[in-house]
């Protein structure tokens, strides 16, 4: 592995914000680096999410990807869970195991927090992501449809 996974801190904002902006663009949002800086700056400052950062070993200022998890709860199991809401790897670093390493680190964090599960969503048309998740033990939920109420 020629990269390192570590927790991001507020001082990493200049590395994390462009990744977050690229992640949003992947999901067809317009580029907006100022918005990404504000949003991720608040997350990192308040500590209301866990942000993992993948950095190139030879150049620690070269960010390869990130994952962001939000703590939540499962009422049914009466336990904590982690929602892995964001996962992104830059195009040049794909197929190097970065996403797999970020997901493994996310799992460790959830296990250390004694969470019931890590939950995530995948686009129905993103077969590569679905294959990766399932290869790591994630299973599609059965019995529930998820709905959104746009506000």
Protein backbone atom coordinates (compact mmCIF):
# COMPACT_ATOMS: atom_id res chain seq x y z
CA UNK A 1 0.00 0.00 0.00
CA UNK A 2 1.53 3.30 -1.05
CA UNK A 3 -0.99 5.40 0.81
CA UNK A 4 -2.08 6.05 4.37
CA UNK A 5 -5.57 6.30 5.85
CA UNK A 6 -6.04 8.61 8.83
CA UNK A 7 -8.65 10.75 10.54
CA UNK A 8 -8.96 14.20 9.00
CA UNK A 9 -8.71 17.22 11.27
CA UNK A 10 -9.63 20.85 10.69
CA UNK A 11 -6.08 21.58 9.49
CA UNK A 12 -6.79 19.16 6.59
CA UNK A 13 -9.63 21.29 5.23
CA UNK A 14 -7.61 22.34 2.15
CA UNK A 15 -7.19 18.64 1.28
CA UNK A 16 -10.72 17.49 2.13
CA UNK A 17 -12.79 20.29 0.56
CA UNK A 18 -11.71 19.64 -3.07
CA UNK A 19 -12.45 15.92 -2.59
CA UNK A 20 -15.89 16.73 -1.22
CA UNK A 21 -16.54 19.12 -4.12
CA UNK A 22 -15.50 16.42 -6.63
CA UNK A 23 -17.72 13.89 -4.81
CA UNK A 24 -20.71 16.22 -5.16
CA UNK A 25 -19.92 16.74 -8.85
CA UNK A 26 -19.86 12.94 -9.30
CA UNK A 27 -23.50 13.08 -8.14
CA UNK A 28 -24.28 15.79 -10.72
CA UNK A 29 -24.06 18.81 -8.45
CA UNK A 30 -22.46 21.96 -9.86
CA UNK A 31 -18.88 22.71 -8.78
CA UNK A 32 -18.88 24.82 -5.63
CA UNK A 33 -15.60 24.76 -3.74
CA UNK A 34 -16.66 27.56 -1.33
CA UNK A 35 -19.71 25.52 -0.31
CA UNK A 36 -17.52 22.42 0.11
CA UNK A 37 -15.10 24.38 2.32
CA UNK A 38 -17.87 25.69 4.54
CA UNK A 39 -19.70 22.38 4.84
CA UNK A 40 -16.60 20.29 5.54
CA UNK A 41 -15.12 23.00 7.75
CA UNK A 42 -18.16 22.86 10.01
CA UNK A 43 -18.07 19.04 10.10
CA UNK A 44 -14.38 19.00 11.01
CA UNK A 45 -14.64 21.81 13.55
CA UNK A 46 -17.75 20.46 15.29
CA UNK A 47 -16.68 16.83 15.05
CA UNK A 48 -20.21 15.73 14.21
CA UNK A 49 -18.92 13.30 11.59
CA UNK A 50 -15.93 11.01 11.25
CA UNK A 51 -13.86 11.95 8.21
CA UNK A 52 -11.19 9.58 6.94
CA UNK A 53 -8.57 10.78 4.51
CA UNK A 54 -6.40 8.72 2.15
CA UNK A 55 -3.02 10.33 1.47
CA UNK A 56 -0.18 9.37 -0.86
CA UNK A 57 2.81 8.16 1.21
CA UNK A 58 5.39 9.83 -1.04
CA UNK A 59 3.46 13.10 -1.02
CA UNK A 60 1.24 13.56 2.05
CA UNK A 61 -0.24 16.69 0.49
CA UNK A 62 -1.68 14.50 -2.29
CA UNK A 63 -5.17 13.47 -1.19
CA UNK A 64 -6.44 10.31 -2.87
CA UNK A 65 -9.87 9.99 -1.34
CA UNK A 66 -12.07 10.36 1.70
CA UNK A 67 -14.94 8.77 3.54
CA UNK A 68 -17.38 10.49 5.88
CA UNK A 69 -19.55 8.76 8.47
CA UNK A 70 -22.26 10.14 10.69
CA UNK A 71 -23.16 8.52 14.00
CA UNK A 72 -26.81 7.62 14.36
CA UNK A 73 -29.07 5.12 16.09
CA UNK A 74 -31.21 2.13 15.25
CA UNK A 75 -34.41 2.20 17.26
CA UNK A 76 -35.21 -1.40 16.34
CA UNK A 77 -31.91 -2.74 17.69
CA UNK A 78 -31.62 0.00 20.35
CA UNK A 79 -27.98 0.45 19.37
CA UNK A 80 -25.69 2.96 17.73
CA UNK A 81 -24.99 2.72 14.01
CA UNK A 82 -22.73 4.58 11.59
CA UNK A 83 -24.04 5.97 8.33
CA UNK A 84 -21.29 6.01 5.74
CA UNK A 85 -22.70 8.86 3.73
CA UNK A 86 -19.75 9.82 1.52
CA UNK A 87 -16.99 7.82 -0.16
CA UNK A 88 -14.88 9.22 -2.96
CA UNK A 89 -11.56 8.32 -4.60
CA UNK A 90 -9.93 10.55 -7.23
CA UNK A 91 -9.92 9.06 -10.72
CA UNK A 92 -6.12 8.64 -10.81
CA UNK A 93 -6.13 6.57 -7.61
CA UNK A 94 -8.96 4.18 -8.45
CA UNK A 95 -8.20 0.45 -8.60
CA UNK A 96 -5.38 0.84 -6.06
CA UNK A 97 -7.38 -0.35 -3.06
CA UNK A 98 -8.06 3.13 -1.66
CA UNK A 99 -11.84 2.70 -1.39
CA UNK A 100 -11.39 -0.74 0.17
CA UNK A 101 -8.93 0.69 2.73
CA UNK A 102 -11.28 3.58 3.57
CA UNK A 103 -14.14 1.13 4.08
CA UNK A 104 -11.97 -1.12 6.26
CA UNK A 105 -10.99 1.87 8.41
CA UNK A 106 -14.65 2.90 8.68
CA UNK A 107 -15.49 -0.60 9.88
CA UNK A 108 -12.84 -0.43 12.59
CA UNK A 109 -14.20 2.90 13.83
CA UNK A 110 -17.73 1.49 13.98
CA UNK A 111 -16.56 -1.65 15.76
CA UNK A 112 -14.61 0.42 18.31
CA UNK A 113 -17.76 2.47 18.94
CA UNK A 114 -19.66 -0.81 19.43
CA UNK A 115 -22.07 0.03 16.63
CA UNK A 116 -24.63 -2.48 15.43
CA UNK A 117 -23.78 -1.82 11.79
CA UNK A 118 -22.39 0.50 9.14
CA UNK A 119 -25.04 1.46 6.63
CA UNK A 120 -24.56 3.07 3.23
CA UNK A 121 -26.41 3.66 0.00
CA UNK A 122 -25.29 2.95 -3.55
CA UNK A 123 -26.72 4.31 -6.76
CA UNK A 124 -28.73 1.64 -8.53
CA UNK A 125 -26.60 2.17 -11.64
CA UNK A 126 -23.22 2.02 -9.85
CA UNK A 127 -22.47 -1.69 -10.26
CA UNK A 128 -18.77 -1.23 -9.41
CA UNK A 129 -19.61 0.26 -6.01
CA UNK A 130 -22.20 -2.43 -5.32
CA UNK A 131 -19.69 -5.15 -6.18
CA UNK A 132 -17.07 -3.60 -3.89
CA UNK A 133 -19.49 -3.24 -0.99
CA UNK A 134 -20.75 -6.79 -1.32
CA UNK A 135 -17.18 -8.14 -1.57
CA UNK A 136 -16.52 -6.56 1.84
CA UNK A 137 -19.57 -8.10 3.48
CA UNK A 138 -22.15 -5.34 3.02
CA UNK A 139 -25.53 -6.82 2.15
CA UNK A 140 -28.45 -5.12 0.40
CA UNK A 141 -31.31 -4.47 2.80
CA UNK A 142 -34.35 -6.62 2.29
CA UNK A 143 -37.80 -5.66 3.38
CA UNK A 144 -37.34 -1.89 3.46
CA UNK A 145 -37.63 0.75 0.79
CA UNK A 146 -36.01 4.04 1.60
CA UNK A 147 -37.92 7.21 0.80
CA UNK A 148 -36.93 10.86 0.79
CA UNK A 149 -39.13 13.85 1.44
CA UNK A 150 -37.55 16.76 -0.45
CA UNK A 151 -37.82 20.01 1.52
